[in-house]
Amino acid sequence: MKETAIQVAQLMAASARTAPKAGGKDFLEIAVITLDDDLKKIAAAMRDYAPKSTNEAFWLRDASNIENCQALVLVGLGKSLGAGYDCGACGIATCAEFLKHRQTTEKDMGYSGPHCVMRMMDIGAALVSAAKTASLLNLDNRVQQRVGAAARALGYIKAEVAMGIPVGFYGKSIFFDRAAPKH
């Protein structure tokens, strides 16, 4: 089943790539992680970070999903420009002002920021497209934030913001009805 899960994960990556994007400009980075050793490294990084978080149990719960998934699709926002809409949703009146004064900050096991809201919606559209492809092919999946942060911290994706979709074929999906570990 793992080989089939990998094939579907690659189709999910294609769906993410072709998803609609603001102004038709593509700043997405997409990766598919399939090696068990890589998945274990990402899960281990999540476990290592867990005690530093106010959501330790959820980091541990999600790490278990990654350790037990058959493949992982990563979708992230690379170095991007504003979308050019001057919408103000970023808190600054124009895209030119946003880009001129943008000073990114980094968060340990997180992201850089701030970002253009339209570009963040690009990530959302790509994630939904990928998840729909998985659903159409009956591949269990779940969009997760923490795995994207861990994969980014380890260099599996160079995106400024990243989310992940662990996938696999199971008798019952391991990605739902999950209990947060007790400590």
C-alpha atoms as a PDB file:
ATOM      1  CA  MET A   1       0.000   0.000   0.000  1.00  0.00           C
ATOM      2  CA  LYS A   2       2.935   2.357   0.641  1.00  0.00           C
ATOM      3  CA  GLU A   3       3.835   2.462  -3.075  1.00  0.00           C
ATOM      4  CA  THR A   4       0.271   3.437  -3.932  1.00  0.00           C
ATOM      5  CA  ALA A   5       0.248   6.068  -1.173  1.00  0.00           C
ATOM      6  CA  ILE A   6       3.433   7.545  -2.669  1.00  0.00           C
ATOM      7  CA  GLN A   7       1.884   7.629  -6.140  1.00  0.00           C
ATOM      8  CA  VAL A   8      -1.168   9.460  -4.789  1.00  0.00           C
ATOM      9  CA  ALA A   9       1.067  11.832  -2.782  1.00  0.00           C
ATOM     10  CA  GLN A  10       2.799  12.758  -6.041  1.00  0.00           C
ATOM     11  CA  LEU A  11      -0.601  13.423  -7.637  1.00  0.00           C
ATOM     12  CA  MET A  12      -1.447  15.569  -4.607  1.00  0.00           C
ATOM     13  CA  ALA A  13       1.722  17.591  -5.232  1.00  0.00           C
ATOM     14  CA  ALA A  14       0.605  18.103  -8.837  1.00  0.00           C
ATOM     15  CA  SER A  15      -2.816  19.267  -7.618  1.00  0.00           C
ATOM     16  CA  ALA A  16      -1.158  21.714  -5.219  1.00  0.00           C
ATOM     17  CA  ARG A  17       1.041  23.071  -8.020  1.00  0.00           C
ATOM     18  CA  THR A  18      -1.894  23.713 -10.346  1.00  0.00           C
ATOM     19  CA  ALA A  19      -4.188  25.246  -7.706  1.00  0.00           C
ATOM     20  CA  PRO A  20      -5.333  28.841  -8.346  1.00  0.00           C
ATOM     21  CA  LYS A  21      -2.946  31.563  -7.179  1.00  0.00           C
ATOM     22  CA  ALA A  22      -3.371  35.312  -6.696  1.00  0.00           C
ATOM     23  CA  GLY A  23      -2.470  37.099  -9.911  1.00  0.00           C
ATOM     24  CA  GLY A  24      -1.456  33.777 -11.452  1.00  0.00           C
ATOM     25  CA  LYS A  25       2.002  34.009  -9.840  1.00  0.00           C
ATOM     26  CA  ASP A  26       3.438  30.880  -8.232  1.00  0.00           C
ATOM     27  CA  PHE A  27       5.586  31.260  -5.124  1.00  0.00           C
ATOM     28  CA  LEU A  28       4.801  27.809  -3.721  1.00  0.00           C
ATOM     29  CA  GLU A  29       7.352  25.221  -2.746  1.00  0.00           C
ATOM     30  CA  ILE A  30       6.138  21.634  -2.757  1.00  0.00           C
ATOM     31  CA  ALA A  31       7.913  18.482  -1.631  1.00  0.00           C
ATOM     32  CA  VAL A  32       6.945  14.845  -1.119  1.00  0.00           C
ATOM     33  CA  ILE A  33       8.757  12.967   1.647  1.00  0.00           C
ATOM     34  CA  THR A  34       8.619   9.188   1.271  1.00  0.00           C
ATOM     35  CA  LEU A  35      11.612   7.666   3.057  1.00  0.00           C
ATOM     36  CA  ASP A  36      10.844   6.165   6.456  1.00  0.00           C
ATOM     37  CA  ASP A  37      14.111   7.554   7.871  1.00  0.00           C
ATOM     38  CA  ASP A  38      13.140  11.085   6.833  1.00  0.00           C
ATOM     39  CA  LEU A  39       9.674  10.728   8.323  1.00  0.00           C
ATOM     40  CA  LYS A  40      11.226   9.476  11.579  1.00  0.00           C
ATOM     41  CA  LYS A  41      13.640  12.457  11.657  1.00  0.00           C
ATOM     42  CA  ILE A  42      10.757  14.890  11.266  1.00  0.00           C
ATOM     43  CA  ALA A  43       8.749  13.085  13.979  1.00  0.00           C
ATOM     44  CA  ALA A  44      11.796  13.126  16.280  1.00  0.00           C
ATOM     45  CA  ALA A  45      12.240  16.877  15.775  1.00  0.00           C
ATOM     46  CA  MET A  46       8.582  17.366  16.694  1.00  0.00           C
ATOM     47  CA  ARG A  47       9.030  15.289  19.852  1.00  0.00           C
ATOM     48  CA  ASP A  48      12.210  17.179  20.769  1.00  0.00           C
ATOM     49  CA  TYR A  49      10.432  20.504  20.394  1.00  0.00           C
ATOM     50  CA  ALA A  50       7.268  19.450  22.254  1.00  0.00           C
ATOM     51  CA  PRO A  51       8.461  20.333  25.813  1.00  0.00           C
ATOM     52  CA  LYS A  52       9.291  23.875  24.634  1.00  0.00           C
ATOM     53  CA  SER A  53       5.712  24.434  23.460  1.00  0.00           C
ATOM     54  CA  THR A  54       2.588  25.384  25.369  1.00  0.00           C
ATOM     55  CA  ASN A  55       0.905  22.664  23.253  1.00  0.00           C
ATOM     56  CA  GLU A  56       3.273  19.801  24.074  1.00  0.00           C
ATOM     57  CA  ALA A  57       0.648  17.056  23.884  1.00  0.00           C
ATOM     58  CA  PHE A  58      -0.405  18.126  20.400  1.00  0.00           C
ATOM     59  CA  TRP A  59       3.185  18.152  19.111  1.00  0.00           C
ATOM     60  CA  LEU A  60       3.556  14.605  20.450  1.00  0.00           C
ATOM     61  CA  ARG A  61       0.241  13.486  18.965  1.00  0.00           C
ATOM     62  CA  ASP A  62       1.127  14.899  15.538  1.00  0.00           C
ATOM     63  CA  ALA A  63       4.649  13.410  15.726  1.00  0.00           C
ATOM     64  CA  SER A  64       3.040   9.992  16.128  1.00  0.00           C
ATOM     65  CA  ASN A  65       1.030  10.607  12.939  1.00  0.00           C
ATOM     66  CA  ILE A  66       4.198  11.464  11.034  1.00  0.00           C
ATOM     67  CA  GLU A  67       6.086   8.456  12.338  1.00  0.00           C
ATOM     68  CA  ASN A  68       3.237   6.202  11.197  1.00  0.00           C
ATOM     69  CA  CYS A  69       2.331   7.802   7.862  1.00  0.00           C
ATOM     70  CA  GLN A  70       3.305   6.339   4.496  1.00  0.00           C
ATOM     71  CA  ALA A  71       4.247   9.652   2.844  1.00  0.00           C
ATOM     72  CA  LEU A  72       4.160  13.360   3.573  1.00  0.00           C
ATOM     73  CA  VAL A  73       3.233  16.172   1.193  1.00  0.00           C
ATOM     74  CA  LEU A  74       4.704  19.566   2.113  1.00  0.00           C
ATOM     75  CA  VAL A  75       3.292  22.801   0.728  1.00  0.00           C
ATOM     76  CA  GLY A  76       4.904  26.111   1.536  1.00  0.00           C
ATOM     77  CA  LEU A  77       5.326  29.706   0.547  1.00  0.00           C
ATOM     78  CA  GLY A  78       8.744  30.535  -0.829  1.00  0.00           C
ATOM     79  CA  LYS A  79      10.244  34.004  -1.044  1.00  0.00           C
ATOM     80  CA  SER A  80       7.243  35.962  -2.232  1.00  0.00           C
ATOM     81  CA  LEU A  81       6.213  39.428  -3.170  1.00  0.00           C
ATOM     82  CA  GLY A  82       2.929  41.079  -2.353  1.00  0.00           C
ATOM     83  CA  ALA A  83       0.122  40.156  -4.683  1.00  0.00           C
ATOM     84  CA  GLY A  84      -0.217  43.738  -5.931  1.00  0.00           C
ATOM     85  CA  TYR A  85      -3.827  44.222  -4.851  1.00  0.00           C
ATOM     86  CA  ASP A  86      -3.190  46.934  -2.240  1.00  0.00           C
ATOM     87  CA  CYS A  87      -5.910  45.254  -0.163  1.00  0.00           C
ATOM     88  CA  GLY A  88      -4.493  46.264   3.231  1.00  0.00           C
ATOM     89  CA  ALA A  89      -5.207  42.850   4.801  1.00  0.00           C
ATOM     90  CA  CYS A  90      -1.553  42.639   5.937  1.00  0.00           C
ATOM     91  CA  GLY A  91      -2.107  45.804   7.982  1.00  0.00           C
ATOM     92  CA  ILE A  92      -0.294  48.106   5.552  1.00  0.00           C
ATOM     93  CA  ALA A  93      -2.123  50.260   3.006  1.00  0.00           C
ATOM     94  CA  THR A  94      -0.217  49.250  -0.145  1.00  0.00           C
ATOM     95  CA  CYS A  95       1.845  46.322  -1.355  1.00  0.00           C
ATOM     96  CA  ALA A  96       4.726  48.687  -2.144  1.00  0.00           C
ATOM     97  CA  GLU A  97       4.769  49.898   1.473  1.00  0.00           C
ATOM     98  CA  PHE A  98       4.526  46.326   2.760  1.00  0.00           C
ATOM     99  CA  LEU A  99       7.507  45.211   0.697  1.00  0.00           C
ATOM    100  CA  LYS A 100       9.529  48.331   1.495  1.00  0.00           C
ATOM    101  CA  HIS A 101       9.105  48.044   5.262  1.00  0.00           C
ATOM    102  CA  ARG A 102       8.770  44.273   5.649  1.00  0.00           C
ATOM    103  CA  GLN A 103      11.163  42.995   8.275  1.00  0.00           C
ATOM    104  CA  THR A 104      10.862  39.277   8.686  1.00  0.00           C
ATOM    105  CA  THR A 105      11.306  37.573  12.004  1.00  0.00           C
ATOM    106  CA  GLU A 106      11.975  33.906  12.645  1.00  0.00           C
ATOM    107  CA  LYS A 107      10.365  31.685  15.256  1.00  0.00           C
ATOM    108  CA  ASP A 108      12.002  28.514  16.503  1.00  0.00           C
ATOM    109  CA  MET A 109       9.985  25.642  15.018  1.00  0.00           C
ATOM    110  CA  GLY A 110       7.733  28.157  13.306  1.00  0.00           C
ATOM    111  CA  TYR A 111       7.907  30.547  10.405  1.00  0.00           C
ATOM    112  CA  SER A 112       9.200  33.856   9.197  1.00  0.00           C
ATOM    113  CA  GLY A 113       6.733  36.665   8.802  1.00  0.00           C
ATOM    114  CA  PRO A 114       4.792  38.822   8.118  1.00  0.00           C
ATOM    115  CA  HIS A 115       3.320  37.660   4.800  1.00  0.00           C
ATOM    116  CA  CYS A 116       0.916  38.886   2.175  1.00  0.00           C
ATOM    117  CA  VAL A 117      -2.559  37.552   2.982  1.00  0.00           C
ATOM    118  CA  MET A 118      -3.224  36.757  -0.673  1.00  0.00           C
ATOM    119  CA  ARG A 119      -0.082  34.578  -0.763  1.00  0.00           C
ATOM    120  CA  MET A 120      -1.225  32.807   2.403  1.00  0.00           C
ATOM    121  CA  MET A 121      -4.513  32.073   0.630  1.00  0.00           C
ATOM    122  CA  ASP A 122      -2.437  30.562  -2.194  1.00  0.00           C
ATOM    123  CA  ILE A 123      -1.134  28.013   0.311  1.00  0.00           C
ATOM    124  CA  GLY A 124      -4.683  27.302   1.477  1.00  0.00           C
ATOM    125  CA  ALA A 125      -5.919  26.717  -2.062  1.00  0.00           C
ATOM    126  CA  ALA A 126      -2.978  24.403  -2.757  1.00  0.00           C
ATOM    127  CA  LEU A 127      -3.564  22.415   0.442  1.00  0.00           C
ATOM    128  CA  VAL A 128      -7.267  22.027  -0.302  1.00  0.00           C
ATOM    129  CA  SER A 129      -6.522  20.906  -3.866  1.00  0.00           C
ATOM    130  CA  ALA A 130      -4.031  18.323  -2.600  1.00  0.00           C
ATOM    131  CA  ALA A 131      -6.386  17.053   0.111  1.00  0.00           C
ATOM    132  CA  LYS A 132      -9.212  16.757  -2.419  1.00  0.00           C
ATOM    133  CA  THR A 133      -7.023  14.633  -4.678  1.00  0.00           C
ATOM    134  CA  ALA A 134      -6.253  12.340  -1.736  1.00  0.00           C
ATOM    135  CA  SER A 135      -9.935  12.149  -0.879  1.00  0.00           C
ATOM    136  CA  LEU A 136     -10.956  11.285  -4.438  1.00  0.00           C
ATOM    137  CA  LEU A 137      -8.504   8.374  -4.337  1.00  0.00           C
ATOM    138  CA  ASN A 138      -9.512   7.282  -0.812  1.00  0.00           C
ATOM    139  CA  LEU A 139      -6.109   8.081   0.705  1.00  0.00           C
ATOM    140  CA  ASP A 140      -6.347   8.967   4.406  1.00  0.00           C
ATOM    141  CA  ASN A 141      -4.886  12.414   5.043  1.00  0.00           C
ATOM    142  CA  ARG A 142      -4.958  15.449   7.292  1.00  0.00           C
ATOM    143  CA  VAL A 143      -3.523  18.945   6.883  1.00  0.00           C
ATOM    144  CA  GLN A 144      -1.175  19.702   9.773  1.00  0.00           C
ATOM    145  CA  GLN A 145       0.772  22.828  10.722  1.00  0.00           C
ATOM    146  CA  ARG A 146       3.325  21.453  13.185  1.00  0.00           C
ATOM    147  CA  VAL A 147       4.833  19.000  10.702  1.00  0.00           C
ATOM    148  CA  GLY A 148       5.394  21.836   8.241  1.00  0.00           C
ATOM    149  CA  ALA A 149       7.281  23.811  10.878  1.00  0.00           C
ATOM    150  CA  ALA A 150       9.439  20.791  11.760  1.00  0.00           C
ATOM    151  CA  ALA A 151      10.153  19.891   8.111  1.00  0.00           C
ATOM    152  CA  ARG A 152      11.115  23.520   7.470  1.00  0.00           C
ATOM    153  CA  ALA A 153      13.421  23.612  10.505  1.00  0.00           C
ATOM    154  CA  LEU A 154      15.173  20.459   9.249  1.00  0.00           C
ATOM    155  CA  GLY A 155      15.550  21.824   5.713  1.00  0.00           C
ATOM    156  CA  TYR A 156      13.175  19.452   3.932  1.00  0.00           C
ATOM    157  CA  ILE A 157      11.492  22.526   2.472  1.00  0.00           C
ATOM    158  CA  LYS A 158      12.932  26.022   2.248  1.00  0.00           C
ATOM    159  CA  ALA A 159       9.591  27.795   2.347  1.00  0.00           C
ATOM    160  CA  GLU A 160       9.030  30.709   4.712  1.00  0.00           C
ATOM    161  CA  VAL A 161       5.749  29.089   5.832  1.00  0.00           C
ATOM    162  CA  ALA A 162       4.948  25.400   5.345  1.00  0.00           C
ATOM    163  CA  MET A 163       2.155  22.977   6.106  1.00  0.00           C
ATOM    164  CA  GLY A 164       2.143  19.237   5.680  1.00  0.00           C
ATOM    165  CA  ILE A 165      -0.311  16.541   4.748  1.00  0.00           C
ATOM    166  CA  PRO A 166       0.641  13.120   6.100  1.00  0.00           C
ATOM    167  CA  VAL A 167      -1.032  10.315   4.165  1.00  0.00           C
ATOM    168  CA  GLY A 168      -1.556   6.577   4.228  1.00  0.00           C
ATOM    169  CA  PHE A 169      -3.986   3.759   3.568  1.00  0.00           C
ATOM    170  CA  TYR A 170      -5.373   2.305   6.807  1.00  0.00           C
ATOM    171  CA  GLY A 171      -8.367   0.280   7.905  1.00  0.00           C
ATOM    172  CA  LYS A 172      -9.320   3.339   9.957  1.00  0.00           C
ATOM    173  CA  SER A 173      -7.635   6.689   9.469  1.00  0.00           C
ATOM    174  CA  ILE A 174      -4.948   7.398  12.075  1.00  0.00           C
ATOM    175  CA  PHE A 175      -5.339  11.134  11.430  1.00  0.00           C
ATOM    176  CA  PHE A 176      -8.766  11.549  13.038  1.00  0.00           C
ATOM    177  CA  ASP A 177     -10.235  10.583  16.419  1.00  0.00           C
ATOM    178  CA  ARG A 178      -6.747  11.102  17.821  1.00  0.00           C
ATOM    179  CA  ALA A 179      -6.263  11.496  21.538  1.00  0.00           C
ATOM    180  CA  ALA A 180      -3.601  13.913  22.725  1.00  0.00           C
ATOM    181  CA  PRO A 181      -1.036  11.971  24.773  1.00  0.00           C
ATOM    182  CA  LYS A 182      -1.216  12.450  28.528  1.00  0.00           C
ATOM    183  CA  HIS A 183       1.933  13.477  30.354  1.00  0.00           C
END
